Amino acid sequence: MNTVTIDTQPRVSEVEFVDDKLSVSIEDGRIVLVPIAWYPRLLHATAEERNDWRVFEDSDGRDIIFWAQLDELIPVIALIVGIPSRESERTFARWLDSRK
C-alpha cells in the first residue's frame, strides 16, 4: 500500500461573501464555498466586520483566516475538508450577548 503525503499548503488569495456563502479563493485556482451558517459569528457580523479579515500562518505554515473584530479564526484546510465551526453554543451565546 502506498501512502500519499502532501507537502504544499493551500494559500488564500481572496475572501468574499456571496449570498449566504463564504467564498475563499486559493492561489492554485480553487474556490471553496461553504455556508456562512457554518460560522455563526460570520453569520451575525456586519458587512464591515466580514470584510475586515487577514491571513496568517500557524506554526506549521498553514494559512488561517482571521477576523479580529469577530475573534474568528478559520483554518483554510478546515474549509477544504468541510469542517464547520466547533464553537459551543454557550460560548457563542455569550459572544452574541456581548454585542448588544
C-alpha atoms as a PDB file:
ATOM      1  CA  MET A   1       0.000   0.000   0.000  1.00  0.00           C
ATOM      2  CA  ASN A   2       1.248   3.470  -0.885  1.00  0.00           C
ATOM      3  CA  THR A   3       0.873   6.445   1.397  1.00  0.00           C
ATOM      4  CA  VAL A   4       0.445   9.879  -0.099  1.00  0.00           C
ATOM      5  CA  THR A   5       1.808  12.878   1.729  1.00  0.00           C
ATOM      6  CA  ILE A   6       1.117  16.453   0.775  1.00  0.00           C
ATOM      7  CA  ASP A   7       3.952  18.905   1.235  1.00  0.00           C
ATOM      8  CA  THR A   8       2.180  22.005  -0.058  1.00  0.00           C
ATOM      9  CA  GLN A   9      -0.244  24.132   1.888  1.00  0.00           C
ATOM     10  CA  PRO A  10      -3.250  25.831   0.263  1.00  0.00           C
ATOM     11  CA  ARG A  11      -2.712  29.597   0.214  1.00  0.00           C
ATOM     12  CA  VAL A  12      -5.566  32.103   0.370  1.00  0.00           C
ATOM     13  CA  SER A  13      -5.737  34.788  -2.277  1.00  0.00           C
ATOM     14  CA  GLU A  14      -9.210  36.242  -1.623  1.00  0.00           C
ATOM     15  CA  VAL A  15     -12.127  36.010   0.798  1.00  0.00           C
ATOM     16  CA  GLU A  16     -15.611  37.123  -0.253  1.00  0.00           C
ATOM     17  CA  PHE A  17     -19.203  36.678   0.810  1.00  0.00           C
ATOM     18  CA  VAL A  18     -21.633  35.672  -1.913  1.00  0.00           C
ATOM     19  CA  ASP A  19     -25.280  35.480  -0.886  1.00  0.00           C
ATOM     20  CA  ASP A  20     -25.284  33.058   2.060  1.00  0.00           C
ATOM     21  CA  LYS A  21     -21.846  31.579   1.295  1.00  0.00           C
ATOM     22  CA  LEU A  22     -18.274  32.212   2.369  1.00  0.00           C
ATOM     23  CA  SER A  23     -16.111  32.080  -0.768  1.00  0.00           C
ATOM     24  CA  VAL A  24     -12.374  31.529  -0.389  1.00  0.00           C
ATOM     25  CA  SER A  25     -10.133  31.659  -3.451  1.00  0.00           C
ATOM     26  CA  ILE A  26      -6.989  29.560  -3.237  1.00  0.00           C
ATOM     27  CA  GLU A  27      -3.827  30.574  -5.119  1.00  0.00           C
ATOM     28  CA  ASP A  28      -3.879  27.314  -7.122  1.00  0.00           C
ATOM     29  CA  GLY A  29      -7.189  28.334  -8.729  1.00  0.00           C
ATOM     30  CA  ARG A  30      -9.670  26.506  -6.499  1.00  0.00           C
ATOM     31  CA  ILE A  31     -12.612  28.318  -4.966  1.00  0.00           C
ATOM     32  CA  VAL A  32     -14.123  26.885  -1.804  1.00  0.00           C
ATOM     33  CA  LEU A  33     -17.729  27.802  -0.986  1.00  0.00           C
ATOM     34  CA  VAL A  34     -19.247  26.978   2.390  1.00  0.00           C
ATOM     35  CA  PRO A  35     -22.456  28.144   4.079  1.00  0.00           C
ATOM     36  CA  ILE A  36     -21.956  31.208   6.264  1.00  0.00           C
ATOM     37  CA  ALA A  37     -24.224  29.443   8.756  1.00  0.00           C
ATOM     38  CA  TRP A  38     -21.305  27.078   9.471  1.00  0.00           C
ATOM     39  CA  TYR A  39     -19.646  30.025  11.214  1.00  0.00           C
ATOM     40  CA  PRO A  40     -22.241  31.793  13.404  1.00  0.00           C
ATOM     41  CA  ARG A  41     -20.012  34.772  14.170  1.00  0.00           C
ATOM     42  CA  LEU A  42     -19.747  35.488  10.448  1.00  0.00           C
ATOM     43  CA  LEU A  43     -23.485  34.950  10.067  1.00  0.00           C
ATOM     44  CA  HIS A  44     -24.195  37.637  12.689  1.00  0.00           C
ATOM     45  CA  ALA A  45     -21.472  40.032  11.532  1.00  0.00           C
ATOM     46  CA  THR A  46     -21.933  43.271   9.671  1.00  0.00           C
ATOM     47  CA  ALA A  47     -20.587  43.605   6.139  1.00  0.00           C
ATOM     48  CA  GLU A  48     -17.807  45.816   7.506  1.00  0.00           C
ATOM     49  CA  GLU A  49     -16.802  43.170  10.069  1.00  0.00           C
ATOM     50  CA  ARG A  50     -16.891  40.385   7.455  1.00  0.00           C
ATOM     51  CA  ASN A  51     -14.633  42.353   5.136  1.00  0.00           C
ATOM     52  CA  ASP A  52     -12.058  43.047   7.862  1.00  0.00           C
ATOM     53  CA  TRP A  53     -10.040  39.830   7.507  1.00  0.00           C
ATOM     54  CA  ARG A  54      -6.412  38.909   7.182  1.00  0.00           C
ATOM     55  CA  VAL A  55      -4.446  35.725   6.641  1.00  0.00           C
ATOM     56  CA  PHE A  56      -1.602  34.488   8.786  1.00  0.00           C
ATOM     57  CA  GLU A  57       0.322  31.231   9.021  1.00  0.00           C
ATOM     58  CA  ASP A  58       0.160  28.975  12.051  1.00  0.00           C
ATOM     59  CA  SER A  59       3.298  27.370  13.485  1.00  0.00           C
ATOM     60  CA  ASP A  60       3.048  24.576  10.890  1.00  0.00           C
ATOM     61  CA  GLY A  61       2.880  27.014   7.960  1.00  0.00           C
ATOM     62  CA  ARG A  62      -0.872  26.596   7.323  1.00  0.00           C
ATOM     63  CA  ASP A  63      -2.992  29.575   6.285  1.00  0.00           C
ATOM     64  CA  ILE A  64      -5.562  30.744   8.828  1.00  0.00           C
ATOM     65  CA  ILE A  65      -8.193  33.382   8.000  1.00  0.00           C
ATOM     66  CA  PHE A  66      -8.693  35.765  10.929  1.00  0.00           C
ATOM     67  CA  TRP A  67     -11.439  38.296  11.603  1.00  0.00           C
ATOM     68  CA  ALA A  68     -10.088  40.378  14.503  1.00  0.00           C
ATOM     69  CA  GLN A  69     -13.331  42.240  15.209  1.00  0.00           C
ATOM     70  CA  LEU A  70     -15.185  38.928  15.498  1.00  0.00           C
ATOM     71  CA  ASP A  71     -12.407  36.938  17.172  1.00  0.00           C
ATOM     72  CA  GLU A  72     -12.957  34.275  14.477  1.00  0.00           C
ATOM     73  CA  LEU A  73     -10.215  32.008  13.142  1.00  0.00           C
ATOM     74  CA  ILE A  74     -10.796  29.571  10.296  1.00  0.00           C
ATOM     75  CA  PRO A  75      -8.030  27.281   9.054  1.00  0.00           C
ATOM     76  CA  VAL A  76      -8.180  27.023   5.274  1.00  0.00           C
ATOM     77  CA  ILE A  77      -7.779  23.269   5.463  1.00  0.00           C
ATOM     78  CA  ALA A  78     -10.983  23.123   7.568  1.00  0.00           C
ATOM     79  CA  LEU A  79     -12.864  24.784   4.714  1.00  0.00           C
ATOM     80  CA  ILE A  80     -11.417  22.390   2.155  1.00  0.00           C
ATOM     81  CA  VAL A  81     -12.319  19.267   4.116  1.00  0.00           C
ATOM     82  CA  GLY A  82     -15.712  20.627   5.210  1.00  0.00           C
ATOM     83  CA  ILE A  83     -15.373  21.203   8.950  1.00  0.00           C
ATOM     84  CA  PRO A  84     -17.786  23.823  10.333  1.00  0.00           C
ATOM     85  CA  SER A  85     -17.229  25.875  13.481  1.00  0.00           C
ATOM     86  CA  ARG A  86     -16.799  23.868  16.649  1.00  0.00           C
ATOM     87  CA  GLU A  87     -17.647  26.760  18.962  1.00  0.00           C
ATOM     88  CA  SER A  88     -20.002  25.739  21.749  1.00  0.00           C
ATOM     89  CA  GLU A  89     -23.498  27.203  21.859  1.00  0.00           C
ATOM     90  CA  ARG A  90     -22.765  28.671  25.280  1.00  0.00           C
ATOM     91  CA  THR A  91     -19.619  30.479  24.123  1.00  0.00           C
ATOM     92  CA  PHE A  92     -21.371  31.756  21.020  1.00  0.00           C
ATOM     93  CA  ALA A  93     -24.378  32.965  23.064  1.00  0.00           C
ATOM     94  CA  ARG A  94     -22.030  34.842  25.405  1.00  0.00           C
ATOM     95  CA  TRP A  95     -20.271  36.451  22.424  1.00  0.00           C
ATOM     96  CA  LEU A  96     -23.576  37.373  20.772  1.00  0.00           C
ATOM     97  CA  ASP A  97     -24.886  38.855  24.025  1.00  0.00           C
ATOM     98  CA  SER A  98     -21.738  40.983  24.345  1.00  0.00           C
ATOM     99  CA  ARG A  99     -22.566  42.638  21.005  1.00  0.00           C
ATOM    100  CA  LYS A 100     -25.783  44.217  22.293  1.00  0.00           C
END
